[in-house]
Amino acid sequence: EKYNDFVNDNLNTNFHPGRLIVHPSLKPKDNNSKPIVGINPGASYGDSKRWHPEKFAKVATELSNKFDILIFGGPNEKELAGDIEKALIEKGVINYQNLAASTSVEELIYHISTLDMFVTGDSGPMHIAAAFQVPTVAIFGPTKDKETSQWMNHKNTIVKKGLDCQPCMKRNCPLKHNNCMKLIKPEEVLNAVKSLN
């Protein structure tokens, strides 16, 4: 929005940027299935943006009674997704699919388009979900949610701590504690999911 405001202010115009729209070319979701929640633990910007996989796993486990689960991630997040999968297996959760490092961009877009809920950090897939108006809980740590949160998705909420050191915009925590992510509890994320349901 700030870029749009800059253009309008300097050119004395009144352009409205509109919302993101993606047109998937793959088949639509089967409407007879259970609702689907996407779990996206990755963030390529740096470790400081990543919420802990065991916390994502706790959220996924709690949601598994109501939702089928899709775990997302790129090649660099395969281990994070694997940690979540292991925790789900230990808890006896079987209604999940780990898609980390196994989808093309087109397939990723398709799978996100089928979601009924998305739990993610500040990431590229978060913006894909915005284009489809997928209800989204976005977990923010070192980045500026006012600048990088979802565009024009009114079905989203942000979970963040609001610490004095936030937002530092650093790839790795300069204070070496990463409390902006570490202090976010699974219960906070689950409450955010409930608020969107």
C-alpha atoms as a PDB file:
ATOM      1  CA  GLU A   1       0.000   0.000   0.000  1.00  0.00           C
ATOM      2  CA  LYS A   2       2.829   2.403   0.751  1.00  0.00           C
ATOM      3  CA  TYR A   3       4.015   2.271  -2.879  1.00  0.00           C
ATOM      4  CA  ASN A   4       0.501   2.913  -4.112  1.00  0.00           C
ATOM      5  CA  ASP A   5       0.204   5.845  -1.689  1.00  0.00           C
ATOM      6  CA  PHE A   6       3.560   7.187  -2.899  1.00  0.00           C
ATOM      7  CA  VAL A   7       2.381   7.145  -6.530  1.00  0.00           C
ATOM      8  CA  ASN A   8      -0.982   8.714  -5.683  1.00  0.00           C
ATOM      9  CA  ASP A   9       0.611  11.445  -3.562  1.00  0.00           C
ATOM     10  CA  ASN A  10       3.265  12.349  -6.127  1.00  0.00           C
ATOM     11  CA  LEU A  11       1.136  12.131  -9.252  1.00  0.00           C
ATOM     12  CA  ASN A  12      -2.031  13.492  -7.667  1.00  0.00           C
ATOM     13  CA  THR A  13      -3.935  10.363  -8.677  1.00  0.00           C
ATOM     14  CA  ASN A  14      -6.326   8.035  -6.904  1.00  0.00           C
ATOM     15  CA  PHE A  15      -5.360   4.559  -8.101  1.00  0.00           C
ATOM     16  CA  HIS A  16      -6.559   1.550  -6.122  1.00  0.00           C
ATOM     17  CA  PRO A  17      -4.151  -1.397  -6.377  1.00  0.00           C
ATOM     18  CA  GLY A  18      -6.804  -4.117  -6.195  1.00  0.00           C
ATOM     19  CA  ARG A  19      -6.188  -7.548  -4.736  1.00  0.00           C
ATOM     20  CA  LEU A  20      -4.031 -10.471  -5.751  1.00  0.00           C
ATOM     21  CA  ILE A  21      -5.684 -13.056  -7.978  1.00  0.00           C
ATOM     22  CA  VAL A  22      -4.270 -16.393  -9.075  1.00  0.00           C
ATOM     23  CA  HIS A  23      -5.924 -18.621 -11.645  1.00  0.00           C
ATOM     24  CA  PRO A  24      -4.910 -22.249 -11.007  1.00  0.00           C
ATOM     25  CA  SER A  25      -4.969 -24.585 -13.969  1.00  0.00           C
ATOM     26  CA  LEU A  26      -5.403 -27.749 -11.913  1.00  0.00           C
ATOM     27  CA  LYS A  27      -8.659 -29.428 -10.923  1.00  0.00           C
ATOM     28  CA  PRO A  28     -10.732 -28.006  -8.062  1.00  0.00           C
ATOM     29  CA  LYS A  29     -10.903 -29.515  -4.580  1.00  0.00           C
ATOM     30  CA  ASP A  30     -13.336 -32.342  -3.815  1.00  0.00           C
ATOM     31  CA  ASN A  31     -16.003 -30.613  -1.723  1.00  0.00           C
ATOM     32  CA  ASN A  32     -16.950 -33.859   0.042  1.00  0.00           C
ATOM     33  CA  SER A  33     -13.633 -34.078   1.869  1.00  0.00           C
ATOM     34  CA  LYS A  34     -12.714 -32.998   5.398  1.00  0.00           C
ATOM     35  CA  PRO A  35     -11.484 -29.384   5.765  1.00  0.00           C
ATOM     36  CA  ILE A  36      -7.756 -29.020   5.112  1.00  0.00           C
ATOM     37  CA  VAL A  37      -5.220 -27.036   7.118  1.00  0.00           C
ATOM     38  CA  GLY A  38      -1.845 -26.218   5.640  1.00  0.00           C
ATOM     39  CA  ILE A  39       1.209 -26.111   7.894  1.00  0.00           C
ATOM     40  CA  ASN A  40       4.144 -24.165   6.474  1.00  0.00           C
ATOM     41  CA  PRO A  41       7.202 -24.104   8.779  1.00  0.00           C
ATOM     42  CA  GLY A  42       9.678 -22.636   6.326  1.00  0.00           C
ATOM     43  CA  ALA A  43      10.968 -19.161   5.648  1.00  0.00           C
ATOM     44  CA  SER A  44      13.843 -18.783   3.243  1.00  0.00           C
ATOM     45  CA  TYR A  45      14.842 -15.332   4.553  1.00  0.00           C
ATOM     46  CA  GLY A  46      16.611 -16.822   7.562  1.00  0.00           C
ATOM     47  CA  ASP A  47      16.370 -18.868  10.730  1.00  0.00           C
ATOM     48  CA  SER A  48      15.083 -15.939  12.774  1.00  0.00           C
ATOM     49  CA  LYS A  49      11.760 -16.073  10.845  1.00  0.00           C
ATOM     50  CA  ARG A  50      11.159 -19.751  11.608  1.00  0.00           C
ATOM     51  CA  TRP A  51       8.853 -20.870  14.373  1.00  0.00           C
ATOM     52  CA  HIS A  52       9.970 -24.120  15.981  1.00  0.00           C
ATOM     53  CA  PRO A  53       8.813 -27.335  14.264  1.00  0.00           C
ATOM     54  CA  GLU A  54       7.724 -28.913  17.561  1.00  0.00           C
ATOM     55  CA  LYS A  55       5.311 -25.995  18.042  1.00  0.00           C
ATOM     56  CA  PHE A  56       3.943 -26.383  14.518  1.00  0.00           C
ATOM     57  CA  ALA A  57       3.563 -30.103  15.314  1.00  0.00           C
ATOM     58  CA  LYS A  58       1.571 -29.359  18.460  1.00  0.00           C
ATOM     59  CA  VAL A  59      -0.742 -27.072  16.496  1.00  0.00           C
ATOM     60  CA  ALA A  60      -1.155 -29.680  13.740  1.00  0.00           C
ATOM     61  CA  THR A  61      -1.852 -32.427  16.286  1.00  0.00           C
ATOM     62  CA  GLU A  62      -4.538 -30.324  17.981  1.00  0.00           C
ATOM     63  CA  LEU A  63      -6.148 -29.471  14.640  1.00  0.00           C
ATOM     64  CA  SER A  64      -6.025 -33.049  13.306  1.00  0.00           C
ATOM     65  CA  ASN A  65      -9.423 -33.910  14.807  1.00  0.00           C
ATOM     66  CA  LYS A  66     -11.125 -31.285  12.656  1.00  0.00           C
ATOM     67  CA  PHE A  67      -8.794 -30.943   9.657  1.00  0.00           C
ATOM     68  CA  ASP A  68      -6.748 -33.062   7.317  1.00  0.00           C
ATOM     69  CA  ILE A  69      -3.199 -31.710   7.305  1.00  0.00           C
ATOM     70  CA  LEU A  70      -0.879 -30.742   4.454  1.00  0.00           C
ATOM     71  CA  ILE A  71       2.714 -29.947   5.419  1.00  0.00           C
ATOM     72  CA  PHE A  72       4.512 -27.609   3.028  1.00  0.00           C
ATOM     73  CA  GLY A  73       8.133 -26.660   2.540  1.00  0.00           C
ATOM     74  CA  GLY A  74      10.834 -26.243  -0.044  1.00  0.00           C
ATOM     75  CA  PRO A  75      13.980 -28.342  -0.416  1.00  0.00           C
ATOM     76  CA  ASN A  76      15.683 -26.436   2.414  1.00  0.00           C
ATOM     77  CA  GLU A  77      12.737 -27.076   4.735  1.00  0.00           C
ATOM     78  CA  LYS A  78      12.453 -30.828   4.207  1.00  0.00           C
ATOM     79  CA  GLU A  79      14.044 -31.518   7.599  1.00  0.00           C
ATOM     80  CA  LEU A  80      11.677 -29.102   9.386  1.00  0.00           C
ATOM     81  CA  ALA A  81       8.690 -30.762   7.729  1.00  0.00           C
ATOM     82  CA  GLY A  82      10.124 -34.178   8.608  1.00  0.00           C
ATOM     83  CA  ASP A  83      10.351 -33.164  12.274  1.00  0.00           C
ATOM     84  CA  ILE A  84       6.674 -32.187  12.202  1.00  0.00           C
ATOM     85  CA  GLU A  85       5.774 -35.458  10.494  1.00  0.00           C
ATOM     86  CA  LYS A  86       7.679 -37.498  13.116  1.00  0.00           C
ATOM     87  CA  ALA A  87       5.829 -35.708  15.916  1.00  0.00           C
ATOM     88  CA  LEU A  88       2.481 -36.398  14.230  1.00  0.00           C
ATOM     89  CA  ILE A  89       3.352 -40.087  13.882  1.00  0.00           C
ATOM     90  CA  GLU A  90       4.339 -40.248  17.568  1.00  0.00           C
ATOM     91  CA  LYS A  91       0.920 -38.815  18.488  1.00  0.00           C
ATOM     92  CA  GLY A  92      -0.892 -41.309  16.243  1.00  0.00           C
ATOM     93  CA  VAL A  93      -2.019 -38.721  13.691  1.00  0.00           C
ATOM     94  CA  ILE A  94      -2.517 -40.355  10.284  1.00  0.00           C
ATOM     95  CA  ASN A  95      -4.587 -37.795   8.350  1.00  0.00           C
ATOM     96  CA  TYR A  96      -1.653 -35.793   7.014  1.00  0.00           C
ATOM     97  CA  GLN A  97       0.488 -35.545   3.909  1.00  0.00           C
ATOM     98  CA  ASN A  98       4.034 -34.187   3.872  1.00  0.00           C
ATOM     99  CA  LEU A  99       4.512 -32.298   0.592  1.00  0.00           C
ATOM    100  CA  ALA A 100       7.826 -30.657   1.513  1.00  0.00           C
ATOM    101  CA  ALA A 101      10.264 -30.553  -1.408  1.00  0.00           C
ATOM    102  CA  SER A 102       7.898 -32.588  -3.578  1.00  0.00           C
ATOM    103  CA  THR A 103       5.770 -30.021  -5.430  1.00  0.00           C
ATOM    104  CA  SER A 104       6.293 -27.819  -8.429  1.00  0.00           C
ATOM    105  CA  VAL A 105       5.289 -24.166  -8.079  1.00  0.00           C
ATOM    106  CA  GLU A 106       2.054 -24.924  -9.945  1.00  0.00           C
ATOM    107  CA  GLU A 107       1.298 -27.837  -7.587  1.00  0.00           C
ATOM    108  CA  LEU A 108       2.093 -25.690  -4.547  1.00  0.00           C
ATOM    109  CA  ILE A 109      -0.342 -23.047  -5.789  1.00  0.00           C
ATOM    110  CA  TYR A 110      -2.993 -25.700  -6.381  1.00  0.00           C
ATOM    111  CA  HIS A 111      -2.605 -27.268  -2.929  1.00  0.00           C
ATOM    112  CA  ILE A 112      -2.733 -23.883  -1.207  1.00  0.00           C
ATOM    113  CA  SER A 113      -5.892 -23.056  -3.188  1.00  0.00           C
ATOM    114  CA  THR A 114      -7.605 -26.112  -1.648  1.00  0.00           C
ATOM    115  CA  LEU A 115      -6.932 -25.088   1.950  1.00  0.00           C
ATOM    116  CA  ASP A 116      -9.604 -24.144   4.444  1.00  0.00           C
ATOM    117  CA  MET A 117      -6.994 -22.761   6.858  1.00  0.00           C
ATOM    118  CA  PHE A 118      -3.274 -21.954   6.615  1.00  0.00           C
ATOM    119  CA  VAL A 119      -0.772 -21.678   9.466  1.00  0.00           C
ATOM    120  CA  THR A 120       2.490 -20.191   8.280  1.00  0.00           C
ATOM    121  CA  GLY A 121       5.371 -17.915   8.993  1.00  0.00           C
ATOM    122  CA  ASP A 122       6.071 -14.812   6.918  1.00  0.00           C
ATOM    123  CA  SER A 123       6.773 -16.559   3.606  1.00  0.00           C
ATOM    124  CA  GLY A 124       6.027 -16.727  -0.101  1.00  0.00           C
ATOM    125  CA  PRO A 125       3.275 -19.344   0.359  1.00  0.00           C
ATOM    126  CA  MET A 126       1.576 -16.923   2.778  1.00  0.00           C
ATOM    127  CA  HIS A 127       1.116 -14.523  -0.154  1.00  0.00           C
ATOM    128  CA  ILE A 128      -0.219 -17.294  -2.406  1.00  0.00           C
ATOM    129  CA  ALA A 129      -2.841 -17.996   0.277  1.00  0.00           C
ATOM    130  CA  ALA A 130      -3.784 -14.302   0.243  1.00  0.00           C
ATOM    131  CA  ALA A 131      -4.485 -14.485  -3.480  1.00  0.00           C
ATOM    132  CA  PHE A 132      -7.022 -17.243  -2.779  1.00  0.00           C
ATOM    133  CA  GLN A 133      -8.444 -15.545   0.327  1.00  0.00           C
ATOM    134  CA  VAL A 134      -7.525 -18.600   2.407  1.00  0.00           C
ATOM    135  CA  PRO A 135      -8.060 -17.932   6.125  1.00  0.00           C
ATOM    136  CA  THR A 136      -4.486 -17.564   7.379  1.00  0.00           C
ATOM    137  CA  VAL A 137      -2.693 -17.380  10.698  1.00  0.00           C
ATOM    138  CA  ALA A 138       0.674 -15.759  10.007  1.00  0.00           C
ATOM    139  CA  ILE A 139       3.400 -16.005  12.644  1.00  0.00           C
ATOM    140  CA  PHE A 140       5.680 -12.962  12.611  1.00  0.00           C
ATOM    141  CA  GLY A 141       8.983 -12.460  14.380  1.00  0.00           C
ATOM    142  CA  PRO A 142      11.755 -10.212  13.043  1.00  0.00           C
ATOM    143  CA  THR A 143       9.945  -8.833   9.992  1.00  0.00           C
ATOM    144  CA  LYS A 144       7.524  -5.917   9.682  1.00  0.00           C
ATOM    145  CA  ASP A 145       4.004  -7.290   9.502  1.00  0.00           C
ATOM    146  CA  LYS A 146       2.759  -3.851   8.395  1.00  0.00           C
ATOM    147  CA  GLU A 147       4.887  -4.171   5.244  1.00  0.00           C
ATOM    148  CA  THR A 148       5.036  -7.884   4.478  1.00  0.00           C
ATOM    149  CA  SER A 149       1.765  -9.370   5.726  1.00  0.00           C
ATOM    150  CA  GLN A 150      -0.915 -10.669   3.386  1.00  0.00           C
ATOM    151  CA  TRP A 151      -2.252  -8.298   0.762  1.00  0.00           C
ATOM    152  CA  MET A 152      -5.998  -7.657   0.897  1.00  0.00           C
ATOM    153  CA  ASN A 153      -6.904 -10.903   2.690  1.00  0.00           C
ATOM    154  CA  HIS A 154      -9.419  -9.947   5.339  1.00  0.00           C
ATOM    155  CA  LYS A 155      -9.510 -13.557   6.556  1.00  0.00           C
ATOM    156  CA  ASN A 156      -6.129 -13.429   8.235  1.00  0.00           C
ATOM    157  CA  THR A 157      -4.650 -12.746  11.612  1.00  0.00           C
ATOM    158  CA  ILE A 158      -1.106 -12.144  12.743  1.00  0.00           C
ATOM    159  CA  VAL A 159       0.464 -13.709  15.810  1.00  0.00           C
ATOM    160  CA  LYS A 160       3.469 -11.820  17.150  1.00  0.00           C
ATOM    161  CA  LYS A 161       4.960 -10.895  20.508  1.00  0.00           C
ATOM    162  CA  GLY A 162       5.538  -7.147  20.071  1.00  0.00           C
ATOM    163  CA  LEU A 163       8.910  -7.139  21.823  1.00  0.00           C
ATOM    164  CA  ASP A 164      11.067  -4.011  22.014  1.00  0.00           C
ATOM    165  CA  CYS A 165      13.595  -5.632  19.670  1.00  0.00           C
ATOM    166  CA  GLN A 166      10.934  -6.262  17.002  1.00  0.00           C
ATOM    167  CA  PRO A 167      11.127  -5.850  14.086  1.00  0.00           C
ATOM    168  CA  CYS A 168      14.887  -6.143  13.729  1.00  0.00           C
ATOM    169  CA  MET A 169      14.691  -7.327  10.085  1.00  0.00           C
ATOM    170  CA  LYS A 170      17.709  -9.602  10.632  1.00  0.00           C
ATOM    171  CA  ARG A 171      18.193 -13.081   9.190  1.00  0.00           C
ATOM    172  CA  ASN A 172      19.672 -14.249  12.484  1.00  0.00           C
ATOM    173  CA  CYS A 173      18.803 -12.834  15.894  1.00  0.00           C
ATOM    174  CA  PRO A 174      21.427 -10.210  16.822  1.00  0.00           C
ATOM    175  CA  LEU A 175      20.579 -10.767  20.505  1.00  0.00           C
ATOM    176  CA  LYS A 176      21.094 -14.543  20.120  1.00  0.00           C
ATOM    177  CA  HIS A 177      17.780 -15.471  21.793  1.00  0.00           C
ATOM    178  CA  ASN A 178      15.195 -15.300  18.972  1.00  0.00           C
ATOM    179  CA  ASN A 179      12.521 -14.578  21.583  1.00  0.00           C
ATOM    180  CA  CYS A 180      10.259 -12.967  18.984  1.00  0.00           C
ATOM    181  CA  MET A 181       9.557 -16.492  17.714  1.00  0.00           C
ATOM    182  CA  LYS A 182      10.542 -18.622  20.702  1.00  0.00           C
ATOM    183  CA  LEU A 183       8.023 -16.979  23.061  1.00  0.00           C
ATOM    184  CA  ILE A 184       5.024 -17.569  20.774  1.00  0.00           C
ATOM    185  CA  LYS A 185       3.066 -20.469  22.249  1.00  0.00           C
ATOM    186  CA  PRO A 186       1.083 -23.046  20.265  1.00  0.00           C
ATOM    187  CA  GLU A 187      -1.997 -22.028  22.256  1.00  0.00           C
ATOM    188  CA  GLU A 188      -1.758 -18.501  20.846  1.00  0.00           C
ATOM    189  CA  VAL A 189      -1.724 -19.875  17.317  1.00  0.00           C
ATOM    190  CA  LEU A 190      -4.597 -22.274  18.064  1.00  0.00           C
ATOM    191  CA  ASN A 191      -6.648 -19.382  19.469  1.00  0.00           C
ATOM    192  CA  ALA A 192      -5.930 -17.419  16.298  1.00  0.00           C
ATOM    193  CA  VAL A 193      -7.147 -20.372  14.202  1.00  0.00           C
ATOM    194  CA  LYS A 194     -10.347 -20.514  16.269  1.00  0.00           C
ATOM    195  CA  SER A 195     -10.883 -16.780  15.733  1.00  0.00           C
ATOM    196  CA  LEU A 196     -10.947 -17.362  11.959  1.00  0.00           C
ATOM    197  CA  ASN A 197     -13.157 -20.464  12.077  1.00  0.00           C
END
